[in-house]
Amino acid sequence: MDGLAHTAVSAAPPNVPVASIYEAVSQQFGLRGTYSALVSERDQNFLLQTTDGDQYVVKISSPAEAKIVSDFQIAALRHLEKYDNVRVPRVIRTLDGRLFGSVPDDGKTYRLRLTNYLAGDLLASLPLDRELMHDFGSKLASLDTGLERFCHEGELPVILWDLQRAGELRALLNHIDDATFRAQVTSVIDDFETLVAPRLSTLRVQVIHGDANPENVLIEPGSRRVSGFIDFGDMIRAPLVFDVAIAAAYLRAEDTAPLRLIVPFVAGYCSVQPLEPVELSLLFDLVRARLATTITLLHWRLCARDKDDPYRQKTLDREAGASAFLAALDRLGRTAFLDELGQALRR
């Protein structure tokens, strides 16, 4: 396992005092107000409510993250500003026009970034149905279309969540103490290395969001329509179909119909950005690879993070169903998965 990838996730987020952040944001961005902590895997994040009622997300970057990576994320958000059909956070400049500031603490200087706060309900908070899933798929495709021609020198960050690194999960399997879960993940890695890895070079590649899970998808209140995407911290240049597989891995319907939500989601995506036959043929194993990554990193994090770590607990709560859904997909099987998906796309 790459040391950089391991360090980026295992390192504790910055813990800069709020008073220091308040002073830095006040001086460099001219914004004052109240700060509420937001749970994050790698960064230290806050919701800033200003005295005049505006809201912003304040991000203090992890020292384990290279500056070029945050430059990449900033550049991507600015690139997407030109697309009216894709709503993403807008980068807030400092008073002197810079795209980021800085905040000192305990002899270190941390990169400080601000975006506006996008209001809306999280997809994770709502009951899911076929119509909403179709809209989700089409909006993710619109986002990917907006990123299609975007390039940046920081577009290849070292991220443990990158499905291109799925084979490297073997180095962490010893952290899965449940024999059944460990066998599940081992089988997925075997299939990935045999069936997916040899074909990666044949897939369309571009910058993707990389983590369109329901906690990062916004819904317009009262409309049940996707209104935007947040949290671009796992953005990377990778096969386009990865974005579909990652999102689909979180659409976990009941065991009797495990594809009930995935099918309309993929159909919605293909209505805007049709997937090629080779991409569709790998989707079953890519969804399983994301679930295996979730399971492995969850168990590894139990050892790498303190018991009172808020992101650790949030992940435990959110990802409890990953193993059960992986088992449901395994029972369904690759052939039935592809047949059901193919029939729906031909309608």
Protein backbone atom coordinates (compact mmCIF):
# COMPACT_ATOMS: atom_id res chain seq x y z
CA MET A 1 0.00 0.00 0.00
CA ASP A 2 1.37 3.37 -1.03
CA GLY A 3 2.62 5.28 2.00
CA LEU A 4 1.22 8.57 0.74
CA ALA A 5 -2.26 7.15 0.39
CA HIS A 6 -2.09 5.53 3.80
CA THR A 7 -0.81 8.68 5.50
CA ALA A 8 -3.46 10.93 3.94
CA VAL A 9 -6.32 8.95 5.47
CA SER A 10 -4.71 7.88 8.75
CA ALA A 11 -3.48 11.39 9.61
CA ALA A 12 -5.73 13.25 11.98
CA PRO A 13 -7.37 16.36 10.51
CA PRO A 14 -5.91 19.73 11.55
CA ASN A 15 -7.04 21.02 14.91
CA VAL A 16 -6.54 24.76 14.57
CA PRO A 17 -8.29 26.77 17.32
CA VAL A 18 -11.48 28.46 16.15
CA ALA A 19 -10.19 31.79 17.44
CA SER A 20 -7.22 31.58 15.05
CA ILE A 21 -9.49 30.68 12.14
CA TYR A 22 -11.87 33.51 13.01
CA GLU A 23 -9.01 36.02 12.95
CA ALA A 24 -7.55 34.70 9.67
CA VAL A 25 -10.91 34.68 7.85
CA SER A 26 -11.75 38.13 9.22
CA GLN A 27 -8.47 39.66 8.10
CA GLN A 28 -8.04 37.86 4.77
CA PHE A 29 -11.65 37.44 3.58
CA GLY A 30 -13.42 40.20 5.49
CA LEU A 31 -16.03 37.79 6.89
CA ARG A 32 -17.13 37.50 10.52
CA GLY A 33 -19.71 35.34 12.20
CA THR A 34 -20.26 32.11 14.10
CA TYR A 35 -18.51 28.81 13.36
CA SER A 36 -20.03 25.32 13.53
CA ALA A 37 -17.75 22.30 13.06
CA LEU A 38 -18.38 19.94 10.11
CA VAL A 39 -17.20 16.33 10.20
CA SER A 40 -14.49 15.56 7.64
CA GLU A 41 -12.13 12.69 6.84
CA ARG A 42 -8.94 14.63 6.11
CA ASP A 43 -9.56 18.39 6.58
CA GLN A 44 -10.86 20.65 9.32
CA ASN A 45 -14.12 22.17 8.12
CA PHE A 46 -16.60 24.69 9.51
CA LEU A 47 -19.88 26.26 8.52
CA LEU A 48 -19.54 30.02 8.87
CA GLN A 49 -22.77 31.95 9.44
CA THR A 50 -22.00 35.64 8.95
CA THR A 51 -23.64 38.47 10.81
CA ASP A 52 -25.63 39.41 7.69
CA GLY A 53 -27.01 35.87 7.25
CA ASP A 54 -24.72 34.52 4.50
CA GLN A 55 -23.20 31.06 4.88
CA TYR A 56 -19.80 29.72 3.85
CA VAL A 57 -17.77 26.55 4.20
CA VAL A 58 -14.34 27.17 5.72
CA LYS A 59 -11.75 24.48 4.98
CA ILE A 60 -8.34 24.10 6.61
CA SER A 61 -6.42 21.61 4.48
CA SER A 62 -4.66 18.61 5.97
CA PRO A 63 -0.85 18.96 6.00
CA ALA A 64 -0.77 15.48 4.44
CA GLU A 65 -2.39 16.90 1.29
CA ALA A 66 -0.06 18.39 -1.32
CA LYS A 67 -0.80 22.01 -2.25
CA ILE A 68 -1.21 21.00 -5.88
CA VAL A 69 -4.23 18.89 -4.87
CA SER A 70 -6.11 21.81 -3.36
CA ASP A 71 -5.11 23.89 -6.40
CA PHE A 72 -6.71 21.16 -8.53
CA GLN A 73 -9.94 21.24 -6.53
CA ILE A 74 -10.15 25.03 -6.66
CA ALA A 75 -9.51 25.05 -10.41
CA ALA A 76 -12.20 22.43 -11.03
CA LEU A 77 -14.84 24.37 -9.09
CA ARG A 78 -13.97 27.54 -11.00
CA HIS A 79 -14.16 25.60 -14.28
CA LEU A 80 -17.65 24.34 -13.40
CA GLU A 81 -18.92 27.85 -12.67
CA LYS A 82 -19.49 28.33 -16.41
CA TYR A 83 -22.10 25.53 -16.56
CA ASP A 84 -25.57 26.70 -15.54
CA ASN A 85 -26.96 23.15 -15.29
CA VAL A 86 -24.33 22.08 -12.73
CA ARG A 87 -24.57 23.65 -9.27
CA VAL A 88 -21.41 23.37 -7.19
CA PRO A 89 -19.84 25.50 -4.45
CA ARG A 90 -18.26 28.74 -5.67
CA VAL A 91 -14.74 29.63 -4.57
CA ILE A 92 -14.52 32.80 -2.47
CA ARG A 93 -11.49 35.01 -3.05
CA THR A 94 -9.55 36.86 -0.38
CA LEU A 95 -9.79 40.61 -0.10
CA ASP A 96 -6.69 40.95 -2.26
CA GLY A 97 -7.99 38.55 -4.91
CA ARG A 98 -6.23 35.30 -4.01
CA LEU A 99 -8.01 31.94 -4.24
CA PHE A 100 -6.88 30.80 -0.80
CA GLY A 101 -5.52 32.18 2.43
CA SER A 102 -3.53 30.77 5.33
CA VAL A 103 -3.79 30.28 9.06
CA PRO A 104 -0.86 29.71 11.44
CA ASP A 105 -0.98 27.31 14.38
CA ASP A 106 1.68 25.75 16.60
CA GLY A 107 4.55 26.59 14.29
CA LYS A 108 2.77 25.40 11.13
CA THR A 109 0.93 27.26 8.41
CA TYR A 110 -2.22 25.70 6.98
CA ARG A 111 -3.92 26.49 3.69
CA LEU A 112 -7.29 28.18 4.20
CA ARG A 113 -10.09 27.97 1.61
CA LEU A 114 -13.66 29.30 1.50
CA THR A 115 -16.63 28.44 -0.68
CA ASN A 116 -20.21 29.55 -0.47
CA TYR A 117 -22.54 27.14 1.31
CA LEU A 118 -25.08 25.43 -0.94
CA ALA A 119 -28.45 25.14 0.74
CA GLY A 120 -30.59 22.07 0.17
CA ASP A 121 -31.60 18.72 1.61
CA LEU A 122 -29.09 15.90 1.49
CA LEU A 123 -30.11 12.97 -0.68
CA ALA A 124 -29.15 10.78 2.30
CA SER A 125 -31.99 12.30 4.34
CA LEU A 126 -34.77 11.43 1.89
CA PRO A 127 -36.64 8.27 0.86
CA LEU A 128 -35.38 7.12 -2.52
CA ASP A 129 -37.56 6.21 -5.48
CA ARG A 130 -37.10 5.50 -9.18
CA GLU A 131 -37.92 9.04 -10.36
CA LEU A 132 -35.43 10.63 -7.98
CA MET A 133 -32.77 8.08 -8.94
CA HIS A 134 -33.24 8.80 -12.63
CA ASP A 135 -32.79 12.52 -11.95
CA PHE A 136 -29.72 11.80 -9.81
CA GLY A 137 -28.17 9.83 -12.66
CA SER A 138 -28.84 12.51 -15.24
CA LYS A 139 -27.42 15.27 -13.01
CA LEU A 140 -24.26 13.30 -12.28
CA ALA A 141 -23.83 12.79 -16.02
CA SER A 142 -24.20 16.56 -16.52
CA LEU A 143 -21.51 17.13 -13.90
CA ASP A 144 -19.18 14.66 -15.61
CA THR A 145 -19.90 16.29 -18.98
CA GLY A 146 -18.85 19.61 -17.47
CA LEU A 147 -15.57 18.07 -16.31
CA GLU A 148 -14.92 16.22 -19.59
CA ARG A 149 -12.39 18.69 -21.00
CA PHE A 150 -10.94 19.86 -17.69
CA CYS A 151 -7.27 19.08 -17.06
CA HIS A 152 -4.89 20.07 -14.27
CA GLU A 153 -1.41 19.05 -13.15
CA GLY A 154 -2.82 18.00 -9.76
CA GLU A 155 -5.47 15.67 -11.20
CA LEU A 156 -3.77 12.45 -10.03
CA PRO A 157 -3.78 12.69 -6.22
CA VAL A 158 -2.86 9.61 -4.23
CA ILE A 159 -6.18 8.52 -2.68
CA LEU A 160 -6.93 5.22 -0.98
CA TRP A 161 -10.50 5.44 -2.27
CA ASP A 162 -9.31 5.45 -5.91
CA LEU A 163 -10.73 2.28 -7.51
CA GLN A 164 -7.66 2.10 -9.72
CA ARG A 165 -5.85 1.05 -6.52
CA ALA A 166 -8.36 -1.63 -5.54
CA GLY A 167 -5.76 -4.37 -5.78
CA GLU A 168 -3.74 -2.64 -3.06
CA LEU A 169 -6.51 -3.34 -0.53
CA ARG A 170 -4.87 -6.74 0.07
CA ALA A 171 -2.32 -5.01 2.29
CA LEU A 172 -5.13 -4.00 4.68
CA LEU A 173 -7.13 -7.26 4.79
CA ASN A 174 -5.54 -8.26 8.08
CA HIS A 175 -7.60 -5.50 9.73
CA ILE A 176 -10.86 -7.31 8.84
CA ASP A 177 -11.26 -9.69 11.78
CA ASP A 178 -14.56 -11.16 10.56
CA ALA A 179 -13.70 -14.16 8.35
CA THR A 180 -16.87 -13.80 6.26
CA PHE A 181 -16.24 -10.13 5.47
CA ARG A 182 -12.58 -10.86 4.74
CA ALA A 183 -13.54 -13.63 2.29
CA GLN A 184 -16.05 -11.27 0.61
CA VAL A 185 -13.43 -8.62 0.02
CA THR A 186 -10.79 -11.11 -1.09
CA SER A 187 -13.16 -12.46 -3.74
CA VAL A 188 -13.86 -8.94 -5.01
CA ILE A 189 -10.15 -8.14 -5.26
CA ASP A 190 -9.53 -11.38 -7.12
CA ASP A 191 -12.27 -10.54 -9.61
CA PHE A 192 -11.03 -6.97 -9.99
CA GLU A 193 -7.50 -8.05 -10.78
CA THR A 194 -8.67 -10.76 -13.19
CA LEU A 195 -11.60 -9.09 -14.96
CA VAL A 196 -11.26 -5.32 -14.52
CA ALA A 197 -7.58 -4.36 -14.25
CA PRO A 198 -6.62 -5.76 -17.69
CA ARG A 199 -9.35 -3.64 -19.32
CA LEU A 200 -8.78 -0.32 -17.55
CA SER A 201 -6.68 0.97 -20.45
CA THR A 202 -9.69 0.56 -22.79
CA LEU A 203 -11.98 2.86 -20.78
CA ARG A 204 -12.74 6.56 -21.28
CA VAL A 205 -10.77 8.60 -18.76
CA GLN A 206 -11.43 12.10 -17.45
CA VAL A 207 -11.66 14.06 -14.19
CA ILE A 208 -14.58 12.75 -12.11
CA HIS A 209 -16.19 13.78 -8.82
CA GLY A 210 -15.11 10.50 -7.24
CA ASP A 211 -17.54 10.42 -4.31
CA ALA A 212 -21.12 11.14 -5.39
CA ASN A 213 -22.58 9.41 -2.36
CA PRO A 214 -25.94 10.58 -0.92
CA GLU A 215 -24.19 12.78 1.66
CA ASN A 216 -22.64 14.82 -1.16
CA VAL A 217 -25.77 15.25 -3.30
CA LEU A 218 -28.20 18.12 -2.67
CA ILE A 219 -31.94 18.09 -3.33
CA GLU A 220 -34.01 21.21 -3.91
CA PRO A 221 -36.43 21.35 -0.93
CA GLY A 222 -39.93 20.32 -1.90
CA SER A 223 -39.03 19.33 -5.47
CA ARG A 224 -37.26 15.96 -5.08
CA ARG A 225 -34.90 17.06 -7.82
CA VAL A 226 -31.10 17.06 -7.55
CA SER A 227 -29.89 20.64 -7.25
CA GLY A 228 -26.14 20.30 -6.72
CA PHE A 229 -23.02 18.44 -5.63
CA ILE A 230 -20.62 19.16 -2.80
CA ASP A 231 -17.33 17.78 -1.38
CA PHE A 232 -14.87 17.45 -4.25
CA GLY A 233 -12.11 16.11 -1.99
CA ASP A 234 -11.88 12.74 -3.81
CA MET A 235 -11.88 14.20 -7.31
CA ILE A 236 -9.41 12.49 -9.63
CA ARG A 237 -8.67 11.64 -13.27
CA ALA A 238 -9.99 8.11 -13.65
CA PRO A 239 -12.27 6.01 -15.87
CA LEU A 240 -15.59 7.80 -16.33
CA VAL A 241 -17.61 4.72 -15.34
CA PHE A 242 -16.03 4.86 -11.88
CA ASP A 243 -18.28 7.83 -11.04
CA VAL A 244 -21.33 5.73 -11.90
CA ALA A 245 -20.11 2.71 -9.94
CA ILE A 246 -19.20 4.73 -6.86
CA ALA A 247 -22.62 6.38 -6.68
CA ALA A 248 -24.41 3.09 -7.40
CA ALA A 249 -22.63 1.40 -4.50
CA TYR A 250 -24.61 3.65 -2.12
CA LEU A 251 -28.02 2.92 -3.69
CA ARG A 252 -28.66 -0.09 -1.50
CA ALA A 253 -32.17 -1.42 -1.96
CA GLU A 254 -33.61 -4.40 -0.13
CA ASP A 255 -32.28 -7.90 -0.82
CA THR A 256 -35.36 -8.99 -2.81
CA ALA A 257 -34.66 -6.34 -5.47
CA PRO A 258 -31.08 -5.11 -5.04
CA LEU A 259 -31.08 -3.19 -8.34
CA ARG A 260 -34.35 -1.35 -7.70
CA LEU A 261 -32.52 1.97 -7.29
CA ILE A 262 -29.42 1.29 -9.38
CA VAL A 263 -31.30 0.55 -12.62
CA PRO A 264 -33.13 3.93 -12.87
CA PHE A 265 -29.97 5.72 -11.72
CA VAL A 266 -27.88 4.19 -14.52
CA ALA A 267 -30.70 4.79 -17.01
CA GLY A 268 -30.78 8.45 -16.00
CA TYR A 269 -27.03 8.73 -16.41
CA CYS A 270 -27.14 7.11 -19.85
CA SER A 271 -29.92 9.47 -20.97
CA VAL A 272 -27.31 12.27 -20.83
CA GLN A 273 -24.00 10.41 -21.18
CA PRO A 274 -24.45 6.90 -22.65
CA LEU A 275 -22.06 4.33 -21.27
CA GLU A 276 -20.12 2.24 -23.75
CA PRO A 277 -20.60 -1.56 -23.82
CA VAL A 278 -17.24 -2.23 -22.16
CA GLU A 279 -18.10 0.23 -19.37
CA LEU A 280 -21.44 -1.43 -18.71
CA SER A 281 -19.84 -4.87 -18.74
CA LEU A 282 -17.55 -3.88 -15.84
CA LEU A 283 -20.14 -2.09 -13.73
CA PHE A 284 -21.01 -5.11 -11.55
CA ASP A 285 -17.40 -5.61 -10.51
CA LEU A 286 -16.76 -1.89 -10.07
CA VAL A 287 -19.73 -1.50 -7.71
CA ARG A 288 -18.43 -4.48 -5.75
CA ALA A 289 -14.95 -2.94 -5.72
CA ARG A 290 -16.31 0.25 -4.16
CA LEU A 291 -18.18 -1.75 -1.52
CA ALA A 292 -15.03 -3.78 -0.80
CA THR A 293 -13.05 -0.55 -0.46
CA THR A 294 -15.64 0.79 1.98
CA ILE A 295 -15.56 -2.39 4.07
CA THR A 296 -11.76 -2.59 4.14
CA LEU A 297 -11.14 1.05 4.98
CA LEU A 298 -13.88 0.94 7.61
CA HIS A 299 -12.18 -1.91 9.45
CA TRP A 300 -8.74 -0.39 8.97
CA ARG A 301 -9.98 2.94 10.31
CA LEU A 302 -11.19 1.20 13.48
CA CYS A 303 -7.51 0.61 14.19
CA ALA A 304 -6.10 3.83 12.73
CA ARG A 305 -8.50 6.33 14.34
CA ASP A 306 -9.24 7.00 18.00
CA LYS A 307 -12.51 5.62 19.33
CA ASP A 308 -13.90 9.12 19.82
CA ASP A 309 -12.94 10.28 16.31
CA PRO A 310 -16.15 11.84 14.86
CA TYR A 311 -15.44 10.80 11.25
CA ARG A 312 -14.84 7.22 12.43
CA GLN A 313 -18.25 7.11 14.11
CA LYS A 314 -19.98 8.79 11.17
CA THR A 315 -18.51 6.17 8.84
CA LEU A 316 -19.56 3.32 11.13
CA ASP A 317 -23.13 4.60 11.12
CA ARG A 318 -23.26 5.28 7.38
CA GLU A 319 -21.50 2.18 6.08
CA ALA A 320 -23.05 -0.52 8.24
CA GLY A 321 -24.96 -1.87 5.23
CA ALA A 322 -22.01 -2.21 2.83
CA SER A 323 -21.31 -5.86 3.64
CA ALA A 324 -24.98 -6.82 3.44
CA PHE A 325 -25.36 -5.13 0.07
CA LEU A 326 -22.20 -6.76 -1.26
CA ALA A 327 -23.59 -10.12 -0.21
CA ALA A 328 -26.89 -9.33 -1.99
CA LEU A 329 -25.06 -8.49 -5.20
CA ASP A 330 -23.00 -11.66 -4.96
CA ARG A 331 -26.19 -13.70 -4.61
CA LEU A 332 -27.67 -11.93 -7.63
CA GLY A 333 -24.53 -12.57 -9.68
CA ARG A 334 -22.82 -10.81 -12.54
CA THR A 335 -24.99 -12.29 -15.31
CA ALA A 336 -28.32 -11.39 -13.70
CA PHE A 337 -27.01 -7.91 -12.82
CA LEU A 338 -26.02 -7.19 -16.41
CA ASP A 339 -29.17 -8.75 -17.87
CA GLU A 340 -31.47 -6.67 -15.67
CA LEU A 341 -29.52 -3.52 -16.41
CA GLY A 342 -29.37 -4.23 -20.12
CA GLN A 343 -33.10 -4.88 -20.38
CA ALA A 344 -33.87 -1.57 -18.68
CA LEU A 345 -31.52 0.39 -20.95
CA ARG A 346 -33.05 -1.12 -24.10
CA ARG A 347 -36.56 0.03 -23.21
